[in-house]
């Protein structure tokens, strides 16, 4: 038994071949096996259209998980660091406001 098959369900019909398994079930079973908590697929996702997977690897048949399944973590931006505006117009407006305030 190889490492990939260790996390798949033991049901004979589903564990026989990963190509015949439902892709979302295979992803969820593998995530549960390694202790990763996944979200439900987003029905409005532009990448997977709510399926939870983007496609399959051609040689192995493994499903490719969509990024909408993975939980969003707190970013470093919320720690209170100074964030520069994104475009030139915003930078100019901030500079003009800073000159006006002193």
N, C-alpha and C. Protein backbone atom coordinates (compact mmCIF):
# COMPACT_ATOMS: atom_id res chain seq x y z
N UNK A 1 0.85 -1.17 0.00
CA UNK A 1 0.00 0.00 0.00
C UNK A 1 0.90 1.25 0.00
N UNK A 2 0.64 2.15 -0.93
CA UNK A 2 1.46 3.36 -0.96
C UNK A 2 0.86 4.43 -0.05
N UNK A 3 1.56 5.53 0.09
CA UNK A 3 1.17 6.59 1.03
C UNK A 3 -0.16 7.22 0.67
N UNK A 4 -0.46 7.34 -0.61
CA UNK A 4 -1.71 7.99 -1.03
C UNK A 4 -2.91 7.16 -0.64
N UNK A 5 -2.81 5.85 -0.72
CA UNK A 5 -3.94 4.97 -0.44
C UNK A 5 -4.19 4.80 1.06
N UNK A 6 -3.27 5.22 1.91
CA UNK A 6 -3.46 5.08 3.35
C UNK A 6 -4.62 5.94 3.85
N UNK A 7 -4.91 7.06 3.20
CA UNK A 7 -5.93 7.98 3.67
C UNK A 7 -7.28 7.77 3.02
N UNK A 8 -7.36 6.87 2.06
CA UNK A 8 -8.62 6.63 1.36
C UNK A 8 -9.51 5.71 2.18
N UNK A 9 -10.83 5.77 1.96
CA UNK A 9 -11.73 4.90 2.70
C UNK A 9 -11.43 3.43 2.42
N UNK A 10 -11.79 2.57 3.38
CA UNK A 10 -11.49 1.15 3.23
C UNK A 10 -12.58 0.39 2.50
N UNK A 11 -13.67 1.04 2.16
CA UNK A 11 -14.74 0.39 1.40
C UNK A 11 -14.16 -0.14 0.09
N UNK A 12 -14.39 -1.41 -0.20
CA UNK A 12 -13.76 -2.04 -1.36
C UNK A 12 -14.13 -1.36 -2.68
N UNK A 13 -15.37 -0.95 -2.83
CA UNK A 13 -15.81 -0.34 -4.09
C UNK A 13 -15.13 1.00 -4.32
N UNK A 14 -14.91 1.77 -3.25
CA UNK A 14 -14.34 3.10 -3.41
C UNK A 14 -12.82 3.10 -3.35
N UNK A 15 -12.26 2.18 -2.58
CA UNK A 15 -10.80 2.16 -2.42
C UNK A 15 -10.11 1.43 -3.56
N UNK A 16 -10.85 0.80 -4.43
CA UNK A 16 -10.26 0.02 -5.51
C UNK A 16 -9.43 0.90 -6.44
N UNK A 17 -9.95 2.04 -6.81
CA UNK A 17 -9.23 2.90 -7.74
C UNK A 17 -9.63 4.34 -7.50
N UNK A 18 -8.64 5.21 -7.36
CA UNK A 18 -8.92 6.62 -7.09
C UNK A 18 -9.59 7.31 -8.28
N UNK A 19 -9.39 6.77 -9.46
CA UNK A 19 -10.03 7.35 -10.65
C UNK A 19 -11.55 7.16 -10.64
N UNK A 20 -12.02 6.13 -9.99
CA UNK A 20 -13.45 5.85 -9.94
C UNK A 20 -14.14 6.53 -8.76
N UNK A 21 -13.36 7.04 -7.81
CA UNK A 21 -13.93 7.72 -6.64
C UNK A 21 -14.45 9.09 -7.00
N UNK A 22 -15.42 9.56 -6.20
CA UNK A 22 -15.86 10.94 -6.33
C UNK A 22 -14.70 11.83 -5.91
N UNK A 23 -14.32 12.83 -6.72
CA UNK A 23 -13.14 13.65 -6.40
C UNK A 23 -13.24 14.38 -5.06
N UNK A 24 -14.41 14.91 -4.74
CA UNK A 24 -14.55 15.65 -3.48
C UNK A 24 -14.42 14.70 -2.29
N UNK A 25 -14.96 13.49 -2.39
CA UNK A 25 -14.82 12.51 -1.31
C UNK A 25 -13.35 12.13 -1.11
N UNK A 26 -12.61 12.00 -2.21
CA UNK A 26 -11.19 11.65 -2.11
C UNK A 26 -10.41 12.77 -1.43
N UNK A 27 -10.72 14.02 -1.76
CA UNK A 27 -10.04 15.17 -1.15
C UNK A 27 -10.37 15.24 0.34
N UNK A 28 -11.64 15.08 0.68
CA UNK A 28 -12.06 15.16 2.09
C UNK A 28 -11.46 14.02 2.91
N UNK A 29 -11.40 12.82 2.33
CA UNK A 29 -10.84 11.67 3.05
C UNK A 29 -9.34 11.87 3.30
N UNK A 30 -8.64 12.39 2.31
CA UNK A 30 -7.20 12.63 2.47
C UNK A 30 -6.96 13.74 3.50
N UNK A 31 -7.78 14.79 3.48
CA UNK A 31 -7.63 15.88 4.45
C UNK A 31 -7.92 15.39 5.87
N UNK A 32 -8.93 14.55 6.01
CA UNK A 32 -9.26 14.00 7.32
C UNK A 32 -8.12 13.10 7.83
N UNK A 33 -7.49 12.38 6.92
CA UNK A 33 -6.40 11.49 7.29
C UNK A 33 -5.19 12.22 7.82
N UNK A 34 -4.94 13.42 7.30
CA UNK A 34 -3.78 14.19 7.77
C UNK A 34 -4.16 15.24 8.81
N UNK A 35 -5.45 15.31 9.17
CA UNK A 35 -5.89 16.23 10.21
C UNK A 35 -6.13 17.64 9.74
N UNK A 36 -6.41 17.84 8.47
CA UNK A 36 -6.65 19.17 7.91
C UNK A 36 -8.15 19.41 7.86
N UNK A 37 -8.59 20.56 8.32
CA UNK A 37 -10.00 20.91 8.30
C UNK A 37 -10.27 21.73 7.04
N UNK A 38 -11.22 21.28 6.24
CA UNK A 38 -11.57 21.97 4.99
C UNK A 38 -12.97 22.55 5.09
N UNK A 39 -13.20 23.62 4.35
CA UNK A 39 -14.52 24.22 4.24
C UNK A 39 -15.34 23.46 3.19
N UNK A 40 -16.64 23.72 3.17
CA UNK A 40 -17.48 23.21 2.10
C UNK A 40 -17.17 24.02 0.84
N UNK A 41 -17.35 23.43 -0.34
CA UNK A 41 -17.07 24.19 -1.58
C UNK A 41 -17.99 25.40 -1.69
N UNK A 42 -17.43 26.49 -2.18
CA UNK A 42 -18.19 27.72 -2.37
C UNK A 42 -18.98 27.61 -3.68
N UNK A 43 -20.31 27.70 -3.65
CA UNK A 43 -21.08 27.55 -4.88
C UNK A 43 -20.85 28.68 -5.89
N UNK A 44 -20.32 29.81 -5.43
CA UNK A 44 -20.05 30.94 -6.33
C UNK A 44 -18.59 31.03 -6.75
N UNK A 45 -17.81 29.97 -6.53
CA UNK A 45 -16.39 30.00 -6.85
C UNK A 45 -16.19 30.06 -8.36
N UNK A 46 -15.32 30.95 -8.81
CA UNK A 46 -15.06 31.12 -10.24
C UNK A 46 -14.16 30.04 -10.81
N UNK A 47 -13.40 29.35 -9.91
CA UNK A 47 -12.46 28.33 -10.39
C UNK A 47 -13.13 26.97 -10.53
N UNK A 48 -13.86 26.56 -9.49
CA UNK A 48 -14.41 25.20 -9.50
C UNK A 48 -15.92 25.16 -9.70
N UNK A 49 -16.60 26.29 -9.67
CA UNK A 49 -18.05 26.39 -9.86
C UNK A 49 -18.81 25.56 -8.84
N UNK A 50 -18.28 25.46 -7.61
CA UNK A 50 -18.96 24.77 -6.54
C UNK A 50 -18.68 23.28 -6.46
N UNK A 51 -17.80 22.75 -7.31
CA UNK A 51 -17.50 21.31 -7.27
C UNK A 51 -16.49 20.98 -6.18
N UNK A 52 -15.59 21.91 -5.86
CA UNK A 52 -14.58 21.67 -4.84
C UNK A 52 -13.25 21.21 -5.40
N UNK A 53 -13.21 20.89 -6.66
CA UNK A 53 -11.95 20.49 -7.30
C UNK A 53 -11.87 21.13 -8.67
N UNK A 54 -10.62 21.35 -9.12
CA UNK A 54 -10.40 22.03 -10.40
C UNK A 54 -10.31 21.01 -11.53
N UNK A 55 -9.68 19.89 -11.26
CA UNK A 55 -9.52 18.86 -12.26
C UNK A 55 -8.81 17.67 -11.65
N UNK A 56 -8.20 16.85 -12.50
CA UNK A 56 -7.47 15.69 -12.05
C UNK A 56 -6.10 15.67 -12.71
N UNK A 57 -5.12 15.08 -12.00
CA UNK A 57 -3.82 14.85 -12.61
C UNK A 57 -3.98 13.75 -13.65
N UNK A 58 -3.44 13.96 -14.83
CA UNK A 58 -3.64 13.02 -15.93
C UNK A 58 -3.00 11.66 -15.66
N UNK A 59 -1.81 11.65 -15.06
CA UNK A 59 -1.12 10.37 -14.89
C UNK A 59 -1.62 9.56 -13.69
N UNK A 60 -1.99 10.21 -12.60
CA UNK A 60 -2.39 9.48 -11.40
C UNK A 60 -3.89 9.48 -11.16
N UNK A 61 -4.61 10.43 -11.71
CA UNK A 61 -6.05 10.53 -11.50
C UNK A 61 -6.43 11.21 -10.19
N UNK A 62 -5.45 11.76 -9.47
CA UNK A 62 -5.74 12.45 -8.21
C UNK A 62 -6.45 13.77 -8.49
N UNK A 63 -7.51 14.08 -7.72
CA UNK A 63 -8.19 15.37 -7.91
C UNK A 63 -7.34 16.52 -7.38
N UNK A 64 -7.47 17.68 -8.03
CA UNK A 64 -6.77 18.89 -7.63
C UNK A 64 -7.76 19.75 -6.85
N UNK A 65 -7.51 19.96 -5.56
CA UNK A 65 -8.42 20.71 -4.69
C UNK A 65 -8.41 22.19 -5.07
N UNK A 66 -9.58 22.81 -5.00
CA UNK A 66 -9.72 24.24 -5.27
C UNK A 66 -9.34 25.02 -4.02
N UNK A 67 -8.93 26.26 -4.20
CA UNK A 67 -8.51 27.09 -3.07
C UNK A 67 -9.69 27.51 -2.19
N UNK A 68 -10.93 27.37 -2.68
CA UNK A 68 -12.08 27.76 -1.86
C UNK A 68 -12.33 26.76 -0.73
N UNK A 69 -11.73 25.59 -0.78
CA UNK A 69 -11.89 24.60 0.29
C UNK A 69 -11.05 24.92 1.51
N UNK A 70 -9.95 25.63 1.32
CA UNK A 70 -9.02 25.89 2.41
C UNK A 70 -9.47 27.10 3.22
N UNK A 71 -9.39 27.03 4.55
CA UNK A 71 -9.83 28.16 5.39
C UNK A 71 -8.93 29.37 5.22
N UNK A 72 -9.53 30.53 5.35
CA UNK A 72 -8.79 31.79 5.26
C UNK A 72 -8.20 32.10 6.64
N UNK A 73 -6.92 32.38 6.69
CA UNK A 73 -6.24 32.68 7.94
C UNK A 73 -6.06 34.18 8.09
N UNK A 74 -5.89 34.62 9.32
CA UNK A 74 -5.67 36.03 9.60
C UNK A 74 -4.36 36.47 8.96
N UNK A 75 -4.38 37.61 8.33
CA UNK A 75 -3.18 38.09 7.65
C UNK A 75 -2.39 39.02 8.57
N UNK A 76 -1.20 39.34 8.16
CA UNK A 76 -0.33 40.24 8.93
C UNK A 76 -0.83 41.67 8.86
N UNK A 77 -1.69 41.98 7.91
CA UNK A 77 -2.17 43.35 7.75
C UNK A 77 -3.02 43.79 8.94
N UNK A 78 -3.66 42.85 9.60
CA UNK A 78 -4.56 43.20 10.70
C UNK A 78 -3.81 43.44 12.01
N UNK A 79 -2.50 43.36 11.99
CA UNK A 79 -1.72 43.56 13.21
C UNK A 79 -1.46 45.03 13.48
N UNK A 80 -1.88 45.91 12.58
CA UNK A 80 -1.72 47.33 12.80
C UNK A 80 -0.54 47.92 12.05
N UNK A 81 0.04 47.19 11.13
CA UNK A 81 1.15 47.78 10.38
C UNK A 81 0.62 48.79 9.36
N UNK A 82 1.50 49.69 8.97
CA UNK A 82 1.14 50.71 8.00
C UNK A 82 1.08 50.09 6.61
N UNK A 83 -0.04 50.27 5.93
CA UNK A 83 -0.21 49.72 4.59
C UNK A 83 -0.28 50.89 3.61
N UNK A 84 0.58 50.86 2.61
CA UNK A 84 0.56 51.91 1.61
C UNK A 84 -0.60 51.69 0.66
N UNK A 85 -1.22 52.78 0.16
CA UNK A 85 -2.29 52.63 -0.82
C UNK A 85 -1.79 51.91 -2.08
N UNK A 86 -2.72 51.30 -2.78
CA UNK A 86 -2.36 50.43 -3.89
C UNK A 86 -1.98 51.16 -5.18
N UNK A 87 -2.69 52.22 -5.53
CA UNK A 87 -2.39 52.85 -6.82
C UNK A 87 -1.91 54.30 -6.65
N UNK A 88 -1.51 54.90 -7.75
CA UNK A 88 -0.91 56.23 -7.72
C UNK A 88 -1.89 57.29 -7.24
N UNK A 89 -3.15 57.20 -7.66
CA UNK A 89 -4.14 58.20 -7.26
C UNK A 89 -4.35 58.18 -5.74
N UNK A 90 -4.37 57.00 -5.16
CA UNK A 90 -4.53 56.90 -3.71
C UNK A 90 -3.31 57.45 -2.98
N UNK A 91 -2.11 57.20 -3.50
CA UNK A 91 -0.90 57.72 -2.87
C UNK A 91 -0.87 59.24 -2.94
N UNK A 92 -1.28 59.82 -4.07
CA UNK A 92 -1.28 61.27 -4.21
C UNK A 92 -2.30 61.90 -3.27
N UNK A 93 -3.48 61.26 -3.13
CA UNK A 93 -4.51 61.79 -2.23
C UNK A 93 -4.03 61.74 -0.78
N UNK A 94 -3.35 60.66 -0.40
CA UNK A 94 -2.84 60.54 0.96
C UNK A 94 -1.75 61.56 1.23
N UNK A 95 -0.89 61.82 0.23
CA UNK A 95 0.17 62.80 0.39
C UNK A 95 -0.40 64.20 0.53
N UNK A 96 -1.44 64.49 -0.26
CA UNK A 96 -2.09 65.81 -0.22
C UNK A 96 -2.78 66.00 1.14
N UNK A 97 -3.39 64.94 1.66
CA UNK A 97 -4.06 65.00 2.96
C UNK A 97 -3.04 65.19 4.08
N UNK A 98 -1.87 64.55 3.96
CA UNK A 98 -0.83 64.66 4.98
C UNK A 98 -0.27 66.09 5.01
N UNK A 99 -0.09 66.71 3.82
CA UNK A 99 0.40 68.10 3.77
C UNK A 99 -0.61 69.06 4.38
N UNK A 100 -1.89 68.81 4.12
CA UNK A 100 -2.95 69.68 4.62
C UNK A 100 -3.05 69.62 6.14
N UNK A 101 -2.86 68.42 6.71
CA UNK A 101 -2.97 68.25 8.16
C UNK A 101 -1.70 68.67 8.89
N UNK A 102 -0.65 68.82 8.17
CA UNK A 102 0.54 69.34 8.84
C UNK A 102 1.69 68.48 8.76
